[in-house]
């Protein structure tokens, strides 16, 4: 019996075998809950989070809009923080979610903010 969560976990492990982030090109990891979306730029060699943003940040919660629109704002916010640290390239980790909807909106927001992946 394979639940939806187990299936996503298997896909996640399969993706993580292939990609990992470094200090110069961190891993752009996305987590999507039913109500919110969270993004981190992770340096896997040191095991540290360099930059993080989520739809629960004060400036994004204050905005009105759909979850997809807020996701795009989260992508732009994480891109702005990354560029302030001097990071422009990263590796996208969709964490087992389909590249569609809110995941795609985060990626587009980050690309518009100036990140390359």
Protein backbone atom coordinates (compact mmCIF):
# COMPACT_ATOMS: atom_id res chain seq x y z
CA UNK A 1 0.00 0.00 0.00
CA UNK A 2 1.62 3.23 -1.16
CA UNK A 3 0.28 6.47 0.22
CA UNK A 4 0.69 9.82 -1.45
CA UNK A 5 3.28 10.86 1.15
CA UNK A 6 5.35 7.67 0.67
CA UNK A 7 5.27 8.14 -3.10
CA UNK A 8 6.51 11.73 -2.80
CA UNK A 9 9.22 10.60 -0.37
CA UNK A 10 10.51 8.02 -2.88
CA UNK A 11 10.57 10.64 -5.64
CA UNK A 12 12.34 13.01 -3.24
CA UNK A 13 15.09 10.50 -2.49
CA UNK A 14 15.51 9.78 -6.20
CA UNK A 15 15.95 13.51 -6.92
CA UNK A 16 18.34 13.99 -3.96
CA UNK A 17 20.64 11.24 -5.25
CA UNK A 18 21.27 13.31 -8.36
CA UNK A 19 21.49 16.88 -7.01
CA UNK A 20 23.25 18.53 -4.11
CA UNK A 21 24.10 22.13 -3.31
CA UNK A 22 27.41 23.78 -2.52
CA UNK A 23 28.32 27.18 -1.10
CA UNK A 24 28.57 28.67 -4.63
CA UNK A 25 25.52 26.89 -6.08
CA UNK A 26 23.14 26.05 -3.22
CA UNK A 27 20.14 23.73 -3.49
CA UNK A 28 16.85 25.63 -3.89
CA UNK A 29 14.58 23.40 -1.80
CA UNK A 30 10.79 23.86 -1.80
CA UNK A 31 8.28 22.56 0.75
CA UNK A 32 4.58 22.95 0.08
CA UNK A 33 1.92 22.50 2.74
CA UNK A 34 -1.81 22.89 2.14
CA UNK A 35 -1.81 26.52 3.22
CA UNK A 36 1.78 27.76 2.91
CA UNK A 37 5.00 27.36 0.94
CA UNK A 38 8.56 27.40 2.30
CA UNK A 39 11.83 27.85 0.39
CA UNK A 40 15.44 27.39 1.49
CA UNK A 41 18.80 27.74 -0.21
CA UNK A 42 20.89 24.93 1.29
CA UNK A 43 24.64 24.30 1.22
CA UNK A 44 24.79 20.48 1.44
CA UNK A 45 28.56 20.26 1.87
CA UNK A 46 28.37 22.09 5.22
CA UNK A 47 24.75 21.16 5.94
CA UNK A 48 23.64 24.76 6.45
CA UNK A 49 20.74 26.87 5.28
CA UNK A 50 22.01 30.05 3.63
CA UNK A 51 18.71 31.80 2.87
CA UNK A 52 15.09 31.04 3.76
CA UNK A 53 11.71 32.58 2.97
CA UNK A 54 8.12 31.47 3.32
CA UNK A 55 4.56 32.62 2.74
CA UNK A 56 4.34 33.18 6.52
CA UNK A 57 6.85 36.07 6.44
CA UNK A 58 5.24 39.31 7.63
CA UNK A 59 5.57 41.23 4.36
CA UNK A 60 4.00 38.37 2.34
CA UNK A 61 1.19 37.62 4.83
CA UNK A 62 0.19 41.30 4.62
CA UNK A 63 -0.35 40.97 0.85
CA UNK A 64 -3.66 39.88 -0.61
CA UNK A 65 -3.79 37.26 -3.35
CA UNK A 66 -4.07 33.60 -4.19
CA UNK A 67 -1.65 30.97 -2.93
CA UNK A 68 0.04 30.91 -6.36
CA UNK A 69 0.54 34.68 -6.31
CA UNK A 70 2.00 34.47 -2.79
CA UNK A 71 4.28 31.65 -3.97
CA UNK A 72 5.64 33.93 -6.68
CA UNK A 73 6.32 36.58 -4.02
CA UNK A 74 8.19 33.99 -1.91
CA UNK A 75 10.36 33.14 -4.93
CA UNK A 76 11.14 36.82 -5.49
CA UNK A 77 11.88 37.33 -1.77
CA UNK A 78 14.33 34.42 -1.60
CA UNK A 79 16.01 35.65 -4.79
CA UNK A 80 16.45 39.14 -3.32
CA UNK A 81 18.00 37.71 -0.13
CA UNK A 82 20.30 35.42 -2.14
CA UNK A 83 21.51 38.22 -4.41
CA UNK A 84 22.22 40.33 -1.31
CA UNK A 85 24.56 37.49 -0.22
CA UNK A 86 26.14 37.39 -3.68
CA UNK A 87 24.50 34.14 -4.86
CA UNK A 88 23.15 34.06 -8.40
CA UNK A 89 23.17 30.35 -9.34
CA UNK A 90 21.40 27.49 -7.61
CA UNK A 91 20.09 23.97 -8.23
CA UNK A 92 16.29 23.57 -8.14
CA UNK A 93 14.95 20.81 -5.87
CA UNK A 94 11.20 20.33 -6.32
CA UNK A 95 11.11 17.83 -3.40
CA UNK A 96 8.92 15.31 -5.18
CA UNK A 97 6.20 17.79 -6.10
CA UNK A 98 5.13 18.16 -9.72
CA UNK A 99 6.60 21.21 -11.47
CA UNK A 100 3.19 22.83 -11.72
CA UNK A 101 1.07 25.39 -9.92
CA UNK A 102 2.66 26.80 -6.76
CA UNK A 103 6.02 25.07 -7.31
CA UNK A 104 6.24 26.56 -10.78
CA UNK A 105 5.19 29.98 -9.43
CA UNK A 106 8.04 29.93 -6.86
CA UNK A 107 10.54 29.04 -9.59
CA UNK A 108 9.28 31.80 -11.89
CA UNK A 109 9.38 34.35 -9.07
CA UNK A 110 12.97 33.39 -8.24
CA UNK A 111 14.01 33.58 -11.90
CA UNK A 112 12.42 37.03 -12.25
CA UNK A 113 14.23 38.04 -9.05
CA UNK A 114 17.55 37.20 -10.72
CA UNK A 115 18.39 33.62 -9.68
CA UNK A 116 19.59 31.19 -12.34
CA UNK A 117 18.87 27.46 -12.30
